[in-house]
Amino acid sequence: MGFAQYKGQFYIGLFWFDAFLLTFILSRQYAYQLRDKQQAQKHALEHAKVSEQAQQELLQLQQDNQNKLENRVQERTLELNIALQELEEVNQELERKNIIDEMTGLFNRRHYDQKILAEYRRSKRNLTPLSLVIIDIDHFKKVNDTYGHLAGDQCLIWLSVHIKQCLKRSTDMAFRYGGEEFCLILPDTENHGAFSLAESLRENIARHPFHYQESEIPITISCGVCTYQQQNDVEPEQIFSGADNALYKAKNSGRNQTQTYQFTEAD
């Protein structure tokens, strides 16, 4: 009966106790969840920092590798450019040796064969004259026999210098055709112009003797001139043959002179 009297209060107290207990449990659960969430956020933040640091290290490594790669590429590019430049220089030197006579520094016979054909075609195309001069040293064998072949070589070099000096235009070309024989290709040059140039060179050589060691050696040259002026059936070989005939005439007429060859209809 005593319990029945306080039954209502008991249930009220029990209700509030259950409510308190439930509130306590929910609070504890919320607190645990909040702690777990905070810990999870903390771990996530730490992982994010670690990840960010790892990314930064990776980016730095990539940058370092990129810099190293760029440096290696630049080095290889520089090495390649140097190699290409050296190869170009070698090719130029080989090309120069293919067209230059090593002793005199003039163009050689091989280059003459190429240039005479090219200039002949240009002359034919542009309807301009093309002159050829062949030069030969008079009694050159005596120089070799008297003073030796070294003196003969120096004489050829000496004459080559004078030949270079007599050419005033960049289009004019001088060649060592063989032995003591030289050849001039004079594009766009009439016969009288080629004759005047050859005579000027001949007179200059006659006035200035060749000096070898302590010896003064008189040197003269003979020249043959031939000019192509669109004559029919005349090829580069005939132009050279004409100049050679003129040179032969100069030799047979006493040397130290210039002769010209004129094409005729019979040619």
C-alpha atoms as a PDB file:
ATOM      1  CA  MET A   1       0.000   0.000   0.000  1.00  0.00           C
ATOM      2  CA  GLY A   2       2.951   2.242   0.702  1.00  0.00           C
ATOM      3  CA  PHE A   3       4.284   1.591  -2.814  1.00  0.00           C
ATOM      4  CA  ALA A   4       0.904   2.287  -4.309  1.00  0.00           C
ATOM      5  CA  GLN A   5       0.854   5.593  -2.506  1.00  0.00           C
ATOM      6  CA  TYR A   6       4.153   6.606  -4.104  1.00  0.00           C
ATOM      7  CA  LYS A   7       3.623   4.751  -7.336  1.00  0.00           C
ATOM      8  CA  GLY A   8       3.017   7.919  -9.368  1.00  0.00           C
ATOM      9  CA  GLN A   9       6.117   9.614  -7.981  1.00  0.00           C
ATOM     10  CA  PHE A  10       8.100   6.472  -8.568  1.00  0.00           C
ATOM     11  CA  TYR A  11       7.132   6.385 -12.234  1.00  0.00           C
ATOM     12  CA  ILE A  12       7.803  10.072 -12.575  1.00  0.00           C
ATOM     13  CA  GLY A  13      11.228   9.590 -10.987  1.00  0.00           C
ATOM     14  CA  LEU A  14      11.817   6.551 -13.143  1.00  0.00           C
ATOM     15  CA  PHE A  15      10.838   8.554 -16.219  1.00  0.00           C
ATOM     16  CA  TRP A  16      13.244  11.316 -15.373  1.00  0.00           C
ATOM     17  CA  PHE A  17      15.932   8.783 -14.570  1.00  0.00           C
ATOM     18  CA  ASP A  18      15.391   7.111 -17.953  1.00  0.00           C
ATOM     19  CA  ALA A  19      15.399  10.490 -19.619  1.00  0.00           C
ATOM     20  CA  PHE A  20      18.608  11.436 -17.818  1.00  0.00           C
ATOM     21  CA  LEU A  21      20.164   8.083 -18.632  1.00  0.00           C
ATOM     22  CA  LEU A  22      19.142   8.363 -22.264  1.00  0.00           C
ATOM     23  CA  THR A  23      20.412  11.916 -22.395  1.00  0.00           C
ATOM     24  CA  PHE A  24      23.657  10.795 -20.789  1.00  0.00           C
ATOM     25  CA  ILE A  25      24.039   7.921 -23.208  1.00  0.00           C
ATOM     26  CA  LEU A  26      23.243  10.127 -26.193  1.00  0.00           C
ATOM     27  CA  SER A  27      25.612  12.785 -24.912  1.00  0.00           C
ATOM     28  CA  ARG A  28      28.374  10.254 -24.433  1.00  0.00           C
ATOM     29  CA  GLN A  29      27.705   8.809 -27.863  1.00  0.00           C
ATOM     30  CA  TYR A  30      27.709  12.293 -29.370  1.00  0.00           C
ATOM     31  CA  ALA A  31      30.915  13.080 -27.513  1.00  0.00           C
ATOM     32  CA  TYR A  32      32.514   9.889 -28.810  1.00  0.00           C
ATOM     33  CA  GLN A  33      31.319  10.646 -32.303  1.00  0.00           C
ATOM     34  CA  LEU A  34      32.595  14.209 -32.040  1.00  0.00           C
ATOM     35  CA  ARG A  35      35.942  12.934 -30.736  1.00  0.00           C
ATOM     36  CA  ASP A  36      36.131  10.345 -33.501  1.00  0.00           C
ATOM     37  CA  LYS A  37      35.211  13.003 -36.018  1.00  0.00           C
ATOM     38  CA  GLN A  38      37.844  15.363 -34.685  1.00  0.00           C
ATOM     39  CA  GLN A  39      40.410  12.589 -34.669  1.00  0.00           C
ATOM     40  CA  ALA A  40      39.380  11.634 -38.172  1.00  0.00           C
ATOM     41  CA  GLN A  41      39.676  15.267 -39.270  1.00  0.00           C
ATOM     42  CA  LYS A  42      43.023  15.491 -37.506  1.00  0.00           C
ATOM     43  CA  HIS A  43      44.232  12.346 -39.243  1.00  0.00           C
ATOM     44  CA  ALA A  44      42.797  13.587 -42.516  1.00  0.00           C
ATOM     45  CA  LEU A  45      44.593  16.909 -42.038  1.00  0.00           C
ATOM     46  CA  GLU A  46      47.812  15.119 -41.205  1.00  0.00           C
ATOM     47  CA  HIS A  47      47.383  12.884 -44.224  1.00  0.00           C
ATOM     48  CA  ALA A  48      46.621  15.958 -46.315  1.00  0.00           C
ATOM     49  CA  LYS A  49      49.788  17.614 -45.059  1.00  0.00           C
ATOM     50  CA  VAL A  50      51.774  14.465 -45.725  1.00  0.00           C
ATOM     51  CA  SER A  51      50.167  14.176 -49.142  1.00  0.00           C
ATOM     52  CA  GLU A  52      50.842  17.829 -49.900  1.00  0.00           C
ATOM     53  CA  GLN A  53      54.433  17.445 -48.773  1.00  0.00           C
ATOM     54  CA  ALA A  54      54.759  14.326 -50.899  1.00  0.00           C
ATOM     55  CA  GLN A  55      53.282  16.179 -53.858  1.00  0.00           C
ATOM     56  CA  GLN A  56      55.661  19.066 -53.304  1.00  0.00           C
ATOM     57  CA  GLU A  57      58.580  16.654 -53.103  1.00  0.00           C
ATOM     58  CA  LEU A  58      57.327  14.928 -56.242  1.00  0.00           C
ATOM     59  CA  LEU A  59      56.935  18.258 -58.026  1.00  0.00           C
ATOM     60  CA  GLN A  60      60.405  19.266 -56.899  1.00  0.00           C
ATOM     61  CA  LEU A  61      61.772  15.943 -58.096  1.00  0.00           C
ATOM     62  CA  GLN A  62      59.983  16.377 -61.403  1.00  0.00           C
ATOM     63  CA  GLN A  63      61.320  19.922 -61.669  1.00  0.00           C
ATOM     64  CA  ASP A  64      64.830  18.729 -60.868  1.00  0.00           C
ATOM     65  CA  ASN A  65      64.497  15.951 -63.421  1.00  0.00           C
ATOM     66  CA  GLN A  66      63.085  18.433 -65.938  1.00  0.00           C
ATOM     67  CA  ASN A  67      65.985  20.794 -65.318  1.00  0.00           C
ATOM     68  CA  LYS A  68      68.452  17.940 -65.634  1.00  0.00           C
ATOM     69  CA  LEU A  69      66.721  16.800 -68.811  1.00  0.00           C
ATOM     70  CA  GLU A  70      66.738  20.323 -70.238  1.00  0.00           C
ATOM     71  CA  ASN A  71      70.410  20.688 -69.334  1.00  0.00           C
ATOM     72  CA  ARG A  72      71.203  17.363 -70.984  1.00  0.00           C
ATOM     73  CA  VAL A  73      69.160  18.354 -74.037  1.00  0.00           C
ATOM     74  CA  GLN A  74      70.994  21.686 -74.215  1.00  0.00           C
ATOM     75  CA  GLU A  75      74.333  19.940 -73.810  1.00  0.00           C
ATOM     76  CA  ARG A  76      73.487  17.369 -76.474  1.00  0.00           C
ATOM     77  CA  THR A  77      72.127  20.110 -78.737  1.00  0.00           C
ATOM     78  CA  LEU A  78      75.331  22.083 -78.278  1.00  0.00           C
ATOM     79  CA  GLU A  79      77.404  18.960 -78.919  1.00  0.00           C
ATOM     80  CA  LEU A  80      75.300  18.210 -81.991  1.00  0.00           C
ATOM     81  CA  ASN A  81      75.682  21.781 -83.287  1.00  0.00           C
ATOM     82  CA  ILE A  82      79.431  21.590 -82.734  1.00  0.00           C
ATOM     83  CA  ALA A  83      79.550  18.225 -84.500  1.00  0.00           C
ATOM     84  CA  LEU A  84      77.470  19.591 -87.397  1.00  0.00           C
ATOM     85  CA  GLN A  85      79.693  22.663 -87.623  1.00  0.00           C
ATOM     86  CA  GLU A  86      82.801  20.487 -87.637  1.00  0.00           C
ATOM     87  CA  LEU A  87      81.203  18.259 -90.268  1.00  0.00           C
ATOM     88  CA  GLU A  88      80.327  21.316 -92.347  1.00  0.00           C
ATOM     89  CA  GLU A  89      83.892  22.570 -92.041  1.00  0.00           C
ATOM     90  CA  VAL A  90      85.205  19.161 -93.057  1.00  0.00           C
ATOM     91  CA  ASN A  91      82.818  19.068 -96.026  1.00  0.00           C
ATOM     92  CA  GLN A  92      83.852  22.578 -97.035  1.00  0.00           C
ATOM     93  CA  GLU A  93      87.496  21.623 -96.739  1.00  0.00           C
ATOM     94  CA  LEU A  94      86.902  18.506 -98.827  1.00  0.00           C
ATOM     95  CA  GLU A  95      84.977  20.535-101.375  1.00  0.00           C
ATOM     96  CA  ARG A  96      87.754  23.129-101.402  1.00  0.00           C
ATOM     97  CA  LYS A  97      90.357  20.418-101.950  1.00  0.00           C
ATOM     98  CA  ASN A  98      88.258  19.023-104.773  1.00  0.00           C
ATOM     99  CA  ILE A  99      88.286  22.324-106.669  1.00  0.00           C
ATOM    100  CA  ILE A 100      91.516  24.042-105.516  1.00  0.00           C
ATOM    101  CA  ASP A 101      95.049  23.319-106.671  1.00  0.00           C
ATOM    102  CA  GLU A 102      96.957  22.893-103.414  1.00  0.00           C
ATOM    103  CA  MET A 103     100.222  24.348-104.688  1.00  0.00           C
ATOM    104  CA  THR A 104      99.022  27.548-106.354  1.00  0.00           C
ATOM    105  CA  GLY A 105      95.679  28.186-104.647  1.00  0.00           C
ATOM    106  CA  LEU A 106      93.987  28.568-108.036  1.00  0.00           C
ATOM    107  CA  PHE A 107      91.080  26.420-109.160  1.00  0.00           C
ATOM    108  CA  ASN A 108      92.087  23.026-110.537  1.00  0.00           C
ATOM    109  CA  ARG A 109      91.415  21.227-113.815  1.00  0.00           C
ATOM    110  CA  ARG A 110      88.384  19.404-112.431  1.00  0.00           C
ATOM    111  CA  HIS A 111      86.699  22.680-111.503  1.00  0.00           C
ATOM    112  CA  TYR A 112      87.573  24.122-114.896  1.00  0.00           C
ATOM    113  CA  ASP A 113      85.637  21.341-116.609  1.00  0.00           C
ATOM    114  CA  GLN A 114      82.571  22.207-114.519  1.00  0.00           C
ATOM    115  CA  LYS A 115      82.788  25.991-114.840  1.00  0.00           C
ATOM    116  CA  ILE A 116      83.497  26.183-118.567  1.00  0.00           C
ATOM    117  CA  LEU A 117      80.360  24.167-119.269  1.00  0.00           C
ATOM    118  CA  ALA A 118      78.275  26.321-116.899  1.00  0.00           C
ATOM    119  CA  GLU A 119      79.613  29.590-118.347  1.00  0.00           C
ATOM    120  CA  TYR A 120      79.169  28.323-121.886  1.00  0.00           C
ATOM    121  CA  ARG A 121      75.505  27.583-121.213  1.00  0.00           C
ATOM    122  CA  ARG A 122      75.020  30.966-119.553  1.00  0.00           C
ATOM    123  CA  SER A 123      76.695  32.719-122.486  1.00  0.00           C
ATOM    124  CA  LYS A 124      74.490  30.841-124.934  1.00  0.00           C
ATOM    125  CA  ARG A 125      71.366  31.613-122.908  1.00  0.00           C
ATOM    126  CA  ASN A 126      72.118  35.333-122.375  1.00  0.00           C
ATOM    127  CA  LEU A 127      73.710  35.894-125.795  1.00  0.00           C
ATOM    128  CA  THR A 128      76.889  37.291-124.190  1.00  0.00           C
ATOM    129  CA  PRO A 129      80.520  36.720-125.254  1.00  0.00           C
ATOM    130  CA  LEU A 130      82.714  34.250-123.391  1.00  0.00           C
ATOM    131  CA  SER A 131      86.503  34.481-123.607  1.00  0.00           C
ATOM    132  CA  LEU A 132      89.145  31.939-122.718  1.00  0.00           C
ATOM    133  CA  VAL A 133      92.839  32.650-122.130  1.00  0.00           C
ATOM    134  CA  ILE A 134      95.496  29.936-121.911  1.00  0.00           C
ATOM    135  CA  ILE A 135      98.814  30.919-120.322  1.00  0.00           C
ATOM    136  CA  ASP A 136     102.063  28.982-120.522  1.00  0.00           C
ATOM    137  CA  ILE A 137     105.483  29.762-118.978  1.00  0.00           C
ATOM    138  CA  ASP A 138     108.193  30.075-121.600  1.00  0.00           C
ATOM    139  CA  HIS A 139     111.172  27.687-121.188  1.00  0.00           C
ATOM    140  CA  PHE A 140     109.876  26.506-117.822  1.00  0.00           C
ATOM    141  CA  LYS A 141     111.910  23.309-118.113  1.00  0.00           C
ATOM    142  CA  LYS A 142     115.099  25.385-117.911  1.00  0.00           C
ATOM    143  CA  VAL A 143     114.014  26.740-114.534  1.00  0.00           C
ATOM    144  CA  ASN A 144     113.618  23.209-113.178  1.00  0.00           C
ATOM    145  CA  ASP A 145     116.839  21.990-114.768  1.00  0.00           C
ATOM    146  CA  THR A 146     118.920  24.976-113.639  1.00  0.00           C
ATOM    147  CA  TYR A 147     117.533  25.777-110.197  1.00  0.00           C
ATOM    148  CA  GLY A 148     115.690  22.595-109.219  1.00  0.00           C
ATOM    149  CA  HIS A 149     112.056  21.559-108.938  1.00  0.00           C
ATOM    150  CA  LEU A 150     111.565  23.487-105.703  1.00  0.00           C
ATOM    151  CA  ALA A 151     112.419  26.668-107.609  1.00  0.00           C
ATOM    152  CA  GLY A 152     109.970  25.560-110.319  1.00  0.00           C
ATOM    153  CA  ASP A 153     107.214  25.121-107.724  1.00  0.00           C
ATOM    154  CA  GLN A 154     107.923  28.550-106.261  1.00  0.00           C
ATOM    155  CA  CYS A 155     107.814  30.023-109.755  1.00  0.00           C
ATOM    156  CA  LEU A 156     104.345  28.560-110.320  1.00  0.00           C
ATOM    157  CA  ILE A 157     103.173  30.030-107.024  1.00  0.00           C
ATOM    158  CA  TRP A 158     104.710  33.406-107.918  1.00  0.00           C
ATOM    159  CA  LEU A 159     102.954  33.457-111.283  1.00  0.00           C
ATOM    160  CA  SER A 160      99.654  32.444-109.661  1.00  0.00           C
ATOM    161  CA  VAL A 161      99.825  35.514-107.422  1.00  0.00           C
ATOM    162  CA  HIS A 162     100.252  37.760-110.460  1.00  0.00           C
ATOM    163  CA  ILE A 163      97.370  36.026-112.235  1.00  0.00           C
ATOM    164  CA  LYS A 164      95.073  36.576-109.250  1.00  0.00           C
ATOM    165  CA  GLN A 165      96.023  40.243-109.129  1.00  0.00           C
ATOM    166  CA  CYS A 166      95.221  40.778-112.808  1.00  0.00           C
ATOM    167  CA  LEU A 167      91.602  39.625-112.387  1.00  0.00           C
ATOM    168  CA  LYS A 168      89.455  42.596-111.421  1.00  0.00           C
ATOM    169  CA  ARG A 169      85.974  41.033-111.486  1.00  0.00           C
ATOM    170  CA  SER A 170      84.567  38.394-109.178  1.00  0.00           C
ATOM    171  CA  THR A 171      83.147  36.550-112.192  1.00  0.00           C
ATOM    172  CA  ASP A 172      86.601  36.058-113.753  1.00  0.00           C
ATOM    173  CA  MET A 173      88.219  32.757-112.762  1.00  0.00           C
ATOM    174  CA  ALA A 174      91.781  31.456-112.907  1.00  0.00           C
ATOM    175  CA  PHE A 175      92.739  27.778-113.095  1.00  0.00           C
ATOM    176  CA  ARG A 176      95.916  25.751-113.050  1.00  0.00           C
ATOM    177  CA  TYR A 177      95.156  23.540-116.007  1.00  0.00           C
ATOM    178  CA  GLY A 178      98.214  21.340-115.628  1.00  0.00           C
ATOM    179  CA  GLY A 179     101.977  21.615-115.191  1.00  0.00           C
ATOM    180  CA  GLU A 180     103.012  25.180-116.068  1.00  0.00           C
ATOM    181  CA  GLU A 181      99.821  25.839-118.035  1.00  0.00           C
ATOM    182  CA  PHE A 182      97.097  28.123-116.677  1.00  0.00           C
ATOM    183  CA  CYS A 183      93.674  29.072-117.933  1.00  0.00           C
ATOM    184  CA  LEU A 184      91.358  32.082-117.462  1.00  0.00           C
ATOM    185  CA  ILE A 185      87.588  31.994-117.945  1.00  0.00           C
ATOM    186  CA  LEU A 186      86.312  35.520-118.637  1.00  0.00           C
ATOM    187  CA  PRO A 187      82.499  35.658-118.852  1.00  0.00           C
ATOM    188  CA  ASP A 188      80.818  38.530-120.700  1.00  0.00           C
ATOM    189  CA  THR A 189      84.178  39.599-122.182  1.00  0.00           C
ATOM    190  CA  GLU A 190      84.817  40.543-125.820  1.00  0.00           C
ATOM    191  CA  ASN A 191      87.938  39.369-127.624  1.00  0.00           C
ATOM    192  CA  HIS A 192      89.711  42.726-127.358  1.00  0.00           C
ATOM    193  CA  GLY A 193      89.056  42.842-123.604  1.00  0.00           C
ATOM    194  CA  ALA A 194      90.494  39.363-123.092  1.00  0.00           C
ATOM    195  CA  PHE A 195      93.479  40.238-125.279  1.00  0.00           C
ATOM    196  CA  SER A 196      94.139  43.433-123.273  1.00  0.00           C
ATOM    197  CA  LEU A 197      94.014  41.539-119.985  1.00  0.00           C
ATOM    198  CA  ALA A 198      96.372  38.832-121.249  1.00  0.00           C
ATOM    199  CA  GLU A 199      98.799  41.439-122.626  1.00  0.00           C
ATOM    200  CA  SER A 200      98.740  43.386-119.368  1.00  0.00           C
ATOM    201  CA  LEU A 201      99.599  40.230-117.448  1.00  0.00           C
ATOM    202  CA  ARG A 202     102.330  39.257-119.924  1.00  0.00           C
ATOM    203  CA  GLU A 203     103.969  42.687-119.768  1.00  0.00           C
ATOM    204  CA  ASN A 204     103.806  42.726-115.976  1.00  0.00           C
ATOM    205  CA  ILE A 205     105.517  39.328-115.768  1.00  0.00           C
ATOM    206  CA  ALA A 206     108.237  40.421-118.218  1.00  0.00           C
ATOM    207  CA  ARG A 207     108.956  43.548-116.148  1.00  0.00           C
ATOM    208  CA  HIS A 208     109.277  41.757-112.814  1.00  0.00           C
ATOM    209  CA  PRO A 209     111.752  38.860-112.696  1.00  0.00           C
ATOM    210  CA  PHE A 210     111.181  35.926-110.377  1.00  0.00           C
ATOM    211  CA  HIS A 211     113.451  35.890-107.312  1.00  0.00           C
ATOM    212  CA  TYR A 212     114.518  32.577-105.870  1.00  0.00           C
ATOM    213  CA  GLN A 213     116.907  32.586-102.947  1.00  0.00           C
ATOM    214  CA  GLU A 214     119.675  34.922-104.207  1.00  0.00           C
ATOM    215  CA  SER A 215     118.934  34.378-107.888  1.00  0.00           C
ATOM    216  CA  GLU A 216     116.989  36.697-110.182  1.00  0.00           C
ATOM    217  CA  ILE A 217     115.296  34.622-112.869  1.00  0.00           C
ATOM    218  CA  PRO A 218     113.714  36.349-115.903  1.00  0.00           C
ATOM    219  CA  ILE A 219     110.331  34.814-116.693  1.00  0.00           C
ATOM    220  CA  THR A 220     108.096  35.360-119.713  1.00  0.00           C
ATOM    221  CA  ILE A 221     104.760  33.873-120.642  1.00  0.00           C
ATOM    222  CA  SER A 222     102.868  33.204-123.862  1.00  0.00           C
ATOM    223  CA  CYS A 223      99.090  33.560-124.064  1.00  0.00           C
ATOM    224  CA  GLY A 224      96.397  32.292-126.395  1.00  0.00           C
ATOM    225  CA  VAL A 225      92.956  33.933-126.529  1.00  0.00           C
ATOM    226  CA  CYS A 226      89.700  32.632-127.994  1.00  0.00           C
ATOM    227  CA  THR A 227      86.220  34.179-127.718  1.00  0.00           C
ATOM    228  CA  TYR A 228      82.870  32.481-128.186  1.00  0.00           C
ATOM    229  CA  GLN A 229      80.220  34.794-129.669  1.00  0.00           C
ATOM    230  CA  GLN A 230      77.336  32.462-130.416  1.00  0.00           C
ATOM    231  CA  GLN A 231      79.047  30.842-133.429  1.00  0.00           C
ATOM    232  CA  ASN A 232      77.216  27.819-134.753  1.00  0.00           C
ATOM    233  CA  ASP A 233      78.354  24.344-133.756  1.00  0.00           C
ATOM    234  CA  VAL A 234      80.942  25.646-131.281  1.00  0.00           C
ATOM    235  CA  GLU A 235      81.171  23.757-127.999  1.00  0.00           C
ATOM    236  CA  PRO A 236      83.416  24.343-124.936  1.00  0.00           C
ATOM    237  CA  GLU A 237      85.973  21.922-126.383  1.00  0.00           C
ATOM    238  CA  GLN A 238      86.277  24.045-129.519  1.00  0.00           C
ATOM    239  CA  ILE A 239      86.753  27.211-127.450  1.00  0.00           C
ATOM    240  CA  PHE A 240      89.640  25.608-125.569  1.00  0.00           C
ATOM    241  CA  SER A 241      91.075  24.192-128.776  1.00  0.00           C
ATOM    242  CA  GLY A 242      90.955  27.666-130.325  1.00  0.00           C
ATOM    243  CA  ALA A 243      92.811  29.230-127.378  1.00  0.00           C
ATOM    244  CA  ASP A 244      95.321  26.369-127.463  1.00  0.00           C
ATOM    245  CA  ASN A 245      95.934  26.968-131.192  1.00  0.00           C
ATOM    246  CA  ALA A 246      96.517  30.650-130.447  1.00  0.00           C
ATOM    247  CA  LEU A 247      98.983  29.694-127.701  1.00  0.00           C
ATOM    248  CA  TYR A 248     100.785  27.347-130.109  1.00  0.00           C
ATOM    249  CA  LYS A 249     101.030  30.201-132.597  1.00  0.00           C
ATOM    250  CA  ALA A 250     102.496  32.478-129.891  1.00  0.00           C
ATOM    251  CA  LYS A 251     105.073  29.819-128.992  1.00  0.00           C
ATOM    252  CA  ASN A 252     106.084  29.291-132.620  1.00  0.00           C
ATOM    253  CA  SER A 253     106.274  33.031-133.239  1.00  0.00           C
ATOM    254  CA  GLY A 254     109.003  33.588-130.664  1.00  0.00           C
ATOM    255  CA  ARG A 255     107.174  33.350-127.297  1.00  0.00           C
ATOM    256  CA  ASN A 256     106.528  36.207-124.847  1.00  0.00           C
ATOM    257  CA  GLN A 257     103.467  37.343-126.780  1.00  0.00           C
ATOM    258  CA  THR A 258      99.683  37.013-126.988  1.00  0.00           C
ATOM    259  CA  GLN A 259      97.855  35.603-130.006  1.00  0.00           C
ATOM    260  CA  THR A 260      94.133  35.253-130.687  1.00  0.00           C
ATOM    261  CA  TYR A 261      92.108  32.662-132.532  1.00  0.00           C
ATOM    262  CA  GLN A 262      89.066  33.585-134.619  1.00  0.00           C
ATOM    263  CA  PHE A 263      86.393  31.048-135.527  1.00  0.00           C
ATOM    264  CA  THR A 264      85.661  30.724-139.222  1.00  0.00           C
ATOM    265  CA  GLU A 265      82.798  29.115-141.090  1.00  0.00           C
ATOM    266  CA  ALA A 266      85.016  26.118-141.706  1.00  0.00           C
ATOM    267  CA  ASP A 267      85.205  25.533-137.958  1.00  0.00           C
END
